[in-house]
Amino acid sequence: TLQSKVAAEKTSGKLGCDILMVAE
């Protein structure tokens, strides 16, 4: 889910987060 969210946000040139803590 997070990877899909980040992929969608990349297109705008800005992510919705400052830190990522994913599983792997």
mmCIF file of all heavy atoms, coordinates in Angstrom:
data_MODEL
# 
_entry.id   MODEL 
# 
loop_
_atom_site.group_PDB 
_atom_site.id 
_atom_site.type_symbol 
_atom_site.label_atom_id 
_atom_site.label_alt_id 
_atom_site.label_comp_id 
_atom_site.label_asym_id 
_atom_site.label_entity_id 
_atom_site.label_seq_id 
_atom_site.pdbx_PDB_ins_code 
_atom_site.Cartn_x 
_atom_site.Cartn_y 
_atom_site.Cartn_z 
_atom_site.occupancy 
_atom_site.B_iso_or_equiv 
_atom_site.pdbx_formal_charge 
_atom_site.auth_seq_id 
_atom_site.auth_comp_id 
_atom_site.auth_asym_id 
_atom_site.auth_atom_id 
_atom_site.pdbx_PDB_model_num 
ATOM 1   N N   . THR A 1 1  ? 0.830  -1.207 0.000   1.00 0.00 ? 1  THR A N   1 
ATOM 2   C CA  . THR A 1 1  ? 0.000  0.000  0.000   1.00 0.00 ? 1  THR A CA  1 
ATOM 3   C C   . THR A 1 1  ? 0.864  1.256  0.000   1.00 0.00 ? 1  THR A C   1 
ATOM 4   O O   . THR A 1 1  ? 0.601  2.214  -0.744  1.00 0.00 ? 1  THR A O   1 
ATOM 5   C CB  . THR A 1 1  ? -0.923 0.010  1.232   1.00 0.00 ? 1  THR A CB  1 
ATOM 6   O OG1 . THR A 1 1  ? -1.786 -1.131 1.180   1.00 0.00 ? 1  THR A OG1 1 
ATOM 7   C CG2 . THR A 1 1  ? -1.758 1.275  1.289   1.00 0.00 ? 1  THR A CG2 1 
ATOM 8   N N   . LEU A 1 2  ? 1.903  1.245  0.827   1.00 0.00 ? 2  LEU A N   1 
ATOM 9   C CA  . LEU A 1 2  ? 2.782  2.410  0.920   1.00 0.00 ? 2  LEU A CA  1 
ATOM 10  C C   . LEU A 1 2  ? 3.543  2.632  -0.381  1.00 0.00 ? 2  LEU A C   1 
ATOM 11  O O   . LEU A 1 2  ? 3.728  3.778  -0.822  1.00 0.00 ? 2  LEU A O   1 
ATOM 12  C CB  . LEU A 1 2  ? 3.758  2.238  2.079   1.00 0.00 ? 2  LEU A CB  1 
ATOM 13  C CG  . LEU A 1 2  ? 3.131  2.183  3.480   1.00 0.00 ? 2  LEU A CG  1 
ATOM 14  C CD1 . LEU A 1 2  ? 4.210  1.987  4.528   1.00 0.00 ? 2  LEU A CD1 1 
ATOM 15  C CD2 . LEU A 1 2  ? 2.323  3.434  3.768   1.00 0.00 ? 2  LEU A CD2 1 
ATOM 16  N N   . GLN A 1 3  ? 3.989  1.544  -0.997  1.00 0.00 ? 3  GLN A N   1 
ATOM 17  C CA  . GLN A 1 3  ? 4.707  1.676  -2.263  1.00 0.00 ? 3  GLN A CA  1 
ATOM 18  C C   . GLN A 1 3  ? 3.796  2.268  -3.343  1.00 0.00 ? 3  GLN A C   1 
ATOM 19  O O   . GLN A 1 3  ? 4.232  3.113  -4.130  1.00 0.00 ? 3  GLN A O   1 
ATOM 20  C CB  . GLN A 1 3  ? 5.249  0.321  -2.705  1.00 0.00 ? 3  GLN A CB  1 
ATOM 21  C CG  . GLN A 1 3  ? 6.433  -0.151 -1.866  1.00 0.00 ? 3  GLN A CG  1 
ATOM 22  C CD  . GLN A 1 3  ? 6.899  -1.543 -2.251  1.00 0.00 ? 3  GLN A CD  1 
ATOM 23  O OE1 . GLN A 1 3  ? 6.117  -2.380 -2.713  1.00 0.00 ? 3  GLN A OE1 1 
ATOM 24  N NE2 . GLN A 1 3  ? 8.177  -1.808 -2.051  1.00 0.00 ? 3  GLN A NE2 1 
ATOM 25  N N   . SER A 1 4  ? 2.540  1.835  -3.367  1.00 0.00 ? 4  SER A N   1 
ATOM 26  C CA  . SER A 1 4  ? 1.587  2.372  -4.348  1.00 0.00 ? 4  SER A CA  1 
ATOM 27  C C   . SER A 1 4  ? 1.314  3.851  -4.083  1.00 0.00 ? 4  SER A C   1 
ATOM 28  O O   . SER A 1 4  ? 1.230  4.651  -5.020  1.00 0.00 ? 4  SER A O   1 
ATOM 29  C CB  . SER A 1 4  ? 0.269  1.582  -4.296  1.00 0.00 ? 4  SER A CB  1 
ATOM 30  O OG  . SER A 1 4  ? 0.475  0.236  -4.660  1.00 0.00 ? 4  SER A OG  1 
ATOM 31  N N   . LYS A 1 5  ? 1.208  4.201  -2.803  1.00 0.00 ? 5  LYS A N   1 
ATOM 32  C CA  . LYS A 1 5  ? 0.959  5.595  -2.425  1.00 0.00 ? 5  LYS A CA  1 
ATOM 33  C C   . LYS A 1 5  ? 2.126  6.479  -2.841  1.00 0.00 ? 5  LYS A C   1 
ATOM 34  O O   . LYS A 1 5  ? 1.933  7.561  -3.414  1.00 0.00 ? 5  LYS A O   1 
ATOM 35  C CB  . LYS A 1 5  ? 0.723  5.682  -0.919  1.00 0.00 ? 5  LYS A CB  1 
ATOM 36  C CG  . LYS A 1 5  ? 0.353  7.066  -0.395  1.00 0.00 ? 5  LYS A CG  1 
ATOM 37  C CD  . LYS A 1 5  ? -0.020 7.007  1.078   1.00 0.00 ? 5  LYS A CD  1 
ATOM 38  C CE  . LYS A 1 5  ? -0.316 8.389  1.660   1.00 0.00 ? 5  LYS A CE  1 
ATOM 39  N NZ  . LYS A 1 5  ? -1.460 9.050  0.992   1.00 0.00 ? 5  LYS A NZ  1 
ATOM 40  N N   . VAL A 1 6  ? 3.333  6.022  -2.554  1.00 0.00 ? 6  VAL A N   1 
ATOM 41  C CA  . VAL A 1 6  ? 4.523  6.798  -2.912  1.00 0.00 ? 6  VAL A CA  1 
ATOM 42  C C   . VAL A 1 6  ? 4.650  6.913  -4.434  1.00 0.00 ? 6  VAL A C   1 
ATOM 43  O O   . VAL A 1 6  ? 4.986  7.981  -4.961  1.00 0.00 ? 6  VAL A O   1 
ATOM 44  C CB  . VAL A 1 6  ? 5.793  6.164  -2.307  1.00 0.00 ? 6  VAL A CB  1 
ATOM 45  C CG1 . VAL A 1 6  ? 7.058  6.795  -2.892  1.00 0.00 ? 6  VAL A CG1 1 
ATOM 46  C CG2 . VAL A 1 6  ? 5.789  6.319  -0.790  1.00 0.00 ? 6  VAL A CG2 1 
ATOM 47  N N   . ALA A 1 7  ? 4.357  5.830  -5.143  1.00 0.00 ? 7  ALA A N   1 
ATOM 48  C CA  . ALA A 1 7  ? 4.445  5.856  -6.610  1.00 0.00 ? 7  ALA A CA  1 
ATOM 49  C C   . ALA A 1 7  ? 3.502  6.903  -7.193  1.00 0.00 ? 7  ALA A C   1 
ATOM 50  O O   . ALA A 1 7  ? 3.860  7.632  -8.129  1.00 0.00 ? 7  ALA A O   1 
ATOM 51  C CB  . ALA A 1 7  ? 4.121  4.472  -7.177  1.00 0.00 ? 7  ALA A CB  1 
ATOM 52  N N   . ALA A 1 8  ? 2.306  6.990  -6.631  1.00 0.00 ? 8  ALA A N   1 
ATOM 53  C CA  . ALA A 1 8  ? 1.338  7.985  -7.105  1.00 0.00 ? 8  ALA A CA  1 
ATOM 54  C C   . ALA A 1 8  ? 1.802  9.400  -6.773  1.00 0.00 ? 8  ALA A C   1 
ATOM 55  O O   . ALA A 1 8  ? 1.631  10.329 -7.579  1.00 0.00 ? 8  ALA A O   1 
ATOM 56  C CB  . ALA A 1 8  ? -0.030 7.710  -6.480  1.00 0.00 ? 8  ALA A CB  1 
ATOM 57  N N   . GLU A 1 9  ? 2.409  9.560  -5.598  1.00 0.00 ? 9  GLU A N   1 
ATOM 58  C CA  . GLU A 1 9  ? 2.853  10.895 -5.168  1.00 0.00 ? 9  GLU A CA  1 
ATOM 59  C C   . GLU A 1 9  ? 4.076  11.376 -5.943  1.00 0.00 ? 9  GLU A C   1 
ATOM 60  O O   . GLU A 1 9  ? 4.276  12.586 -6.119  1.00 0.00 ? 9  GLU A O   1 
ATOM 61  C CB  . GLU A 1 9  ? 3.150  10.883 -3.667  1.00 0.00 ? 9  GLU A CB  1 
ATOM 62  C CG  . GLU A 1 9  ? 1.900  10.713 -2.807  1.00 0.00 ? 9  GLU A CG  1 
ATOM 63  C CD  . GLU A 1 9  ? 2.217  10.491 -1.340  1.00 0.00 ? 9  GLU A CD  1 
ATOM 64  O OE1 . GLU A 1 9  ? 3.393  10.226 -1.011  1.00 0.00 ? 9  GLU A OE1 1 
ATOM 65  O OE2 . GLU A 1 9  ? 1.279  10.565 -0.534  1.00 0.00 ? 9  GLU A OE2 1 
ATOM 66  N N   . LYS A 1 10 ? 4.882  10.437 -6.402  1.00 0.00 ? 10 LYS A N   1 
ATOM 67  C CA  . LYS A 1 10 ? 6.095  10.817 -7.147  1.00 0.00 ? 10 LYS A CA  1 
ATOM 68  C C   . LYS A 1 10 ? 5.759  11.666 -8.365  1.00 0.00 ? 10 LYS A C   1 
ATOM 69  O O   . LYS A 1 10 ? 6.526  12.556 -8.748  1.00 0.00 ? 10 LYS A O   1 
ATOM 70  C CB  . LYS A 1 10 ? 6.835  9.563  -7.616  1.00 0.00 ? 10 LYS A CB  1 
ATOM 71  C CG  . LYS A 1 10 ? 7.668  8.865  -6.570  1.00 0.00 ? 10 LYS A CG  1 
ATOM 72  C CD  . LYS A 1 10 ? 8.335  7.654  -7.210  1.00 0.00 ? 10 LYS A CD  1 
ATOM 73  C CE  . LYS A 1 10 ? 9.028  6.778  -6.209  1.00 0.00 ? 10 LYS A CE  1 
ATOM 74  N NZ  . LYS A 1 10 ? 9.602  5.567  -6.837  1.00 0.00 ? 10 LYS A NZ  1 
ATOM 75  N N   . THR A 1 11 ? 4.629  11.373 -8.986  1.00 0.00 ? 11 THR A N   1 
ATOM 76  C CA  . THR A 1 11 ? 4.270  12.078 -10.220 1.00 0.00 ? 11 THR A CA  1 
ATOM 77  C C   . THR A 1 11 ? 4.070  13.573 -9.986  1.00 0.00 ? 11 THR A C   1 
ATOM 78  O O   . THR A 1 11 ? 4.212  14.377 -10.909 1.00 0.00 ? 11 THR A O   1 
ATOM 79  C CB  . THR A 1 11 ? 2.981  11.485 -10.826 1.00 0.00 ? 11 THR A CB  1 
ATOM 80  O OG1 . THR A 1 11 ? 1.904  11.615 -9.876  1.00 0.00 ? 11 THR A OG1 1 
ATOM 81  C CG2 . THR A 1 11 ? 3.169  10.011 -11.161 1.00 0.00 ? 11 THR A CG2 1 
ATOM 82  N N   . SER A 1 12 ? 3.748  13.956 -8.736  1.00 0.00 ? 12 SER A N   1 
ATOM 83  C CA  . SER A 1 12 ? 3.560  15.373 -8.415  1.00 0.00 ? 12 SER A CA  1 
ATOM 84  C C   . SER A 1 12 ? 4.873  16.042 -8.028  1.00 0.00 ? 12 SER A C   1 
ATOM 85  O O   . SER A 1 12 ? 4.932  17.268 -7.844  1.00 0.00 ? 12 SER A O   1 
ATOM 86  C CB  . SER A 1 12 ? 2.561  15.528 -7.269  1.00 0.00 ? 12 SER A CB  1 
ATOM 87  O OG  . SER A 1 12 ? 3.108  15.052 -6.048  1.00 0.00 ? 12 SER A OG  1 
ATOM 88  N N   . GLY A 1 13 ? 5.932  15.232 -7.873  1.00 0.00 ? 13 GLY A N   1 
ATOM 89  C CA  . GLY A 1 13 ? 7.231  15.774 -7.488  1.00 0.00 ? 13 GLY A CA  1 
ATOM 90  C C   . GLY A 1 13 ? 7.391  15.985 -6.002  1.00 0.00 ? 13 GLY A C   1 
ATOM 91  O O   . GLY A 1 13 ? 8.394  16.548 -5.558  1.00 0.00 ? 13 GLY A O   1 
ATOM 92  N N   . LYS A 1 14 ? 6.411  15.521 -5.218  1.00 0.00 ? 14 LYS A N   1 
ATOM 93  C CA  . LYS A 1 14 ? 6.487  15.689 -3.774  1.00 0.00 ? 14 LYS A CA  1 
ATOM 94  C C   . LYS A 1 14 ? 5.762  14.547 -3.082  1.00 0.00 ? 14 LYS A C   1 
ATOM 95  O O   . LYS A 1 14 ? 4.656  14.178 -3.481  1.00 0.00 ? 14 LYS A O   1 
ATOM 96  C CB  . LYS A 1 14 ? 5.869  17.025 -3.354  1.00 0.00 ? 14 LYS A CB  1 
ATOM 97  C CG  . LYS A 1 14 ? 5.905  17.294 -1.863  1.00 0.00 ? 14 LYS A CG  1 
ATOM 98  C CD  . LYS A 1 14 ? 5.281  18.642 -1.537  1.00 0.00 ? 14 LYS A CD  1 
ATOM 99  C CE  . LYS A 1 14 ? 5.276  18.897 -0.036  1.00 0.00 ? 14 LYS A CE  1 
ATOM 100 N NZ  . LYS A 1 14 ? 4.665  20.213 0.300   1.00 0.00 ? 14 LYS A NZ  1 
ATOM 101 N N   . LEU A 1 15 ? 6.403  13.983 -2.059  1.00 0.00 ? 15 LEU A N   1 
ATOM 102 C CA  . LEU A 1 15 ? 5.770  12.913 -1.302  1.00 0.00 ? 15 LEU A CA  1 
ATOM 103 C C   . LEU A 1 15 ? 4.984  13.493 -0.126  1.00 0.00 ? 15 LEU A C   1 
ATOM 104 O O   . LEU A 1 15 ? 5.205  14.630 0.283   1.00 0.00 ? 15 LEU A O   1 
ATOM 105 C CB  . LEU A 1 15 ? 6.825  11.926 -0.784  1.00 0.00 ? 15 LEU A CB  1 
ATOM 106 C CG  . LEU A 1 15 ? 7.746  11.278 -1.821  1.00 0.00 ? 15 LEU A CG  1 
ATOM 107 C CD1 . LEU A 1 15 ? 8.589  10.185 -1.165  1.00 0.00 ? 15 LEU A CD1 1 
ATOM 108 C CD2 . LEU A 1 15 ? 6.955  10.710 -2.985  1.00 0.00 ? 15 LEU A CD2 1 
ATOM 109 N N   . GLY A 1 16 ? 4.107  12.690 0.426   1.00 0.00 ? 16 GLY A N   1 
ATOM 110 C CA  . GLY A 1 16 ? 3.308  13.126 1.563   1.00 0.00 ? 16 GLY A CA  1 
ATOM 111 C C   . GLY A 1 16 ? 3.947  12.825 2.896   1.00 0.00 ? 16 GLY A C   1 
ATOM 112 O O   . GLY A 1 16 ? 3.307  12.950 3.937   1.00 0.00 ? 16 GLY A O   1 
ATOM 113 N N   . CYS A 1 17 ? 5.214  12.412 2.883   1.00 0.00 ? 17 CYS A N   1 
ATOM 114 C CA  . CYS A 1 17 ? 5.883  12.023 4.121   1.00 0.00 ? 17 CYS A CA  1 
ATOM 115 C C   . CYS A 1 17 ? 7.292  12.604 4.187   1.00 0.00 ? 17 CYS A C   1 
ATOM 116 O O   . CYS A 1 17 ? 7.832  13.095 3.193   1.00 0.00 ? 17 CYS A O   1 
ATOM 117 C CB  . CYS A 1 17 ? 5.944  10.503 4.242   1.00 0.00 ? 17 CYS A CB  1 
ATOM 118 S SG  . CYS A 1 17 ? 6.907  9.710  2.936   1.00 0.00 ? 17 CYS A SG  1 
ATOM 119 N N   . ASP A 1 18 ? 7.868  12.502 5.385   1.00 0.00 ? 18 ASP A N   1 
ATOM 120 C CA  . ASP A 1 18 ? 9.245  12.931 5.622   1.00 0.00 ? 18 ASP A CA  1 
ATOM 121 C C   . ASP A 1 18 ? 10.147 11.756 6.000   1.00 0.00 ? 18 ASP A C   1 
ATOM 122 O O   . ASP A 1 18 ? 11.359 11.819 5.828   1.00 0.00 ? 18 ASP A O   1 
ATOM 123 C CB  . ASP A 1 18 ? 9.282  13.957 6.758   1.00 0.00 ? 18 ASP A CB  1 
ATOM 124 C CG  . ASP A 1 18 ? 8.362  15.130 6.484   1.00 0.00 ? 18 ASP A CG  1 
ATOM 125 O OD1 . ASP A 1 18 ? 8.763  16.013 5.717   1.00 0.00 ? 18 ASP A OD1 1 
ATOM 126 O OD2 . ASP A 1 18 ? 7.237  15.144 7.026   1.00 0.00 ? 18 ASP A OD2 1 
ATOM 127 N N   . ILE A 1 19 ? 9.541  10.696 6.540   1.00 0.00 ? 19 ILE A N   1 
ATOM 128 C CA  . ILE A 1 19 ? 10.257 9.486  6.941   1.00 0.00 ? 19 ILE A CA  1 
ATOM 129 C C   . ILE A 1 19 ? 9.451  8.282  6.475   1.00 0.00 ? 19 ILE A C   1 
ATOM 130 O O   . ILE A 1 19 ? 8.216  8.280  6.532   1.00 0.00 ? 19 ILE A O   1 
ATOM 131 C CB  . ILE A 1 19 ? 10.443 9.424  8.473   1.00 0.00 ? 19 ILE A CB  1 
ATOM 132 C CG1 . ILE A 1 19 ? 11.430 10.492 8.941   1.00 0.00 ? 19 ILE A CG1 1 
ATOM 133 C CG2 . ILE A 1 19 ? 10.919 8.047  8.928   1.00 0.00 ? 19 ILE A CG2 1 
ATOM 134 C CD1 . ILE A 1 19 ? 11.615 10.542 10.456  1.00 0.00 ? 19 ILE A CD1 1 
ATOM 135 N N   . LEU A 1 20 ? 10.159 7.255  6.030   1.00 0.00 ? 20 LEU A N   1 
ATOM 136 C CA  . LEU A 1 20 ? 9.533  5.981  5.649   1.00 0.00 ? 20 LEU A CA  1 
ATOM 137 C C   . LEU A 1 20 ? 10.070 4.870  6.531   1.00 0.00 ? 20 LEU A C   1 
ATOM 138 O O   . LEU A 1 20 ? 11.284 4.769  6.759   1.00 0.00 ? 20 LEU A O   1 
ATOM 139 C CB  . LEU A 1 20 ? 9.827  5.654  4.187   1.00 0.00 ? 20 LEU A CB  1 
ATOM 140 C CG  . LEU A 1 20 ? 8.970  6.365  3.131   1.00 0.00 ? 20 LEU A CG  1 
ATOM 141 C CD1 . LEU A 1 20 ? 9.715  6.407  1.802   1.00 0.00 ? 20 LEU A CD1 1 
ATOM 142 C CD2 . LEU A 1 20 ? 7.637  5.650  2.957   1.00 0.00 ? 20 LEU A CD2 1 
ATOM 143 N N   . MET A 1 21 ? 9.177  4.031  7.055   1.00 0.00 ? 21 MET A N   1 
ATOM 144 C CA  . MET A 1 21 ? 9.556  2.848  7.840   1.00 0.00 ? 21 MET A CA  1 
ATOM 145 C C   . MET A 1 21 ? 8.770  1.663  7.294   1.00 0.00 ? 21 MET A C   1 
ATOM 146 O O   . MET A 1 21 ? 7.727  1.280  7.831   1.00 0.00 ? 21 MET A O   1 
ATOM 147 C CB  . MET A 1 21 ? 9.263  3.072  9.332   1.00 0.00 ? 21 MET A CB  1 
ATOM 148 C CG  . MET A 1 21 ? 10.060 4.205  9.949   1.00 0.00 ? 21 MET A CG  1 
ATOM 149 S SD  . MET A 1 21 ? 9.558  4.634  11.638  1.00 0.00 ? 21 MET A SD  1 
ATOM 150 C CE  . MET A 1 21 ? 10.129 3.188  12.552  1.00 0.00 ? 21 MET A CE  1 
ATOM 151 N N   . VAL A 1 22 ? 9.254  1.104  6.180   1.00 0.00 ? 22 VAL A N   1 
ATOM 152 C CA  . VAL A 1 22 ? 8.567  -0.011 5.530   1.00 0.00 ? 22 VAL A CA  1 
ATOM 153 C C   . VAL A 1 22 ? 9.153  -1.336 6.010   1.00 0.00 ? 22 VAL A C   1 
ATOM 154 O O   . VAL A 1 22 ? 10.083 -1.369 6.811   1.00 0.00 ? 22 VAL A O   1 
ATOM 155 C CB  . VAL A 1 22 ? 8.653  0.100  3.993   1.00 0.00 ? 22 VAL A CB  1 
ATOM 156 C CG1 . VAL A 1 22 ? 7.921  1.342  3.507   1.00 0.00 ? 22 VAL A CG1 1 
ATOM 157 C CG2 . VAL A 1 22 ? 10.108 0.139  3.530   1.00 0.00 ? 22 VAL A CG2 1 
ATOM 158 N N   . ALA A 1 23 ? 8.593  -2.436 5.502   1.00 0.00 ? 23 ALA A N   1 
ATOM 159 C CA  . ALA A 1 23 ? 8.941  -3.746 6.050   1.00 0.00 ? 23 ALA A CA  1 
ATOM 160 C C   . ALA A 1 23 ? 10.323 -4.241 5.645   1.00 0.00 ? 23 ALA A C   1 
ATOM 161 O O   . ALA A 1 23 ? 10.991 -4.924 6.424   1.00 0.00 ? 23 ALA A O   1 
ATOM 162 C CB  . ALA A 1 23 ? 7.879  -4.783 5.649   1.00 0.00 ? 23 ALA A CB  1 
ATOM 163 N N   . GLU A 1 24 ? 10.752 -3.919 4.426   1.00 0.00 ? 24 GLU A N   1 
ATOM 164 C CA  . GLU A 1 24 ? 12.009 -4.522 3.972   1.00 0.00 ? 24 GLU A CA  1 
ATOM 165 C C   . GLU A 1 24 ? 12.833 -3.559 3.138   1.00 0.00 ? 24 GLU A C   1 
ATOM 166 O O   . GLU A 1 24 ? 12.321 -2.611 2.576   1.00 0.00 ? 24 GLU A O   1 
ATOM 167 C CB  . GLU A 1 24 ? 11.725 -5.836 3.231   1.00 0.00 ? 24 GLU A CB  1 
ATOM 168 C CG  . GLU A 1 24 ? 10.677 -5.753 2.129   1.00 0.00 ? 24 GLU A CG  1 
ATOM 169 C CD  . GLU A 1 24 ? 11.241 -5.347 0.793   1.00 0.00 ? 24 GLU A CD  1 
ATOM 170 O OE1 . GLU A 1 24 ? 12.478 -5.377 0.642   1.00 0.00 ? 24 GLU A OE1 1 
ATOM 171 O OE2 . GLU A 1 24 ? 10.464 -4.991 -0.096  1.00 0.00 ? 24 GLU A OE2 1 
# 
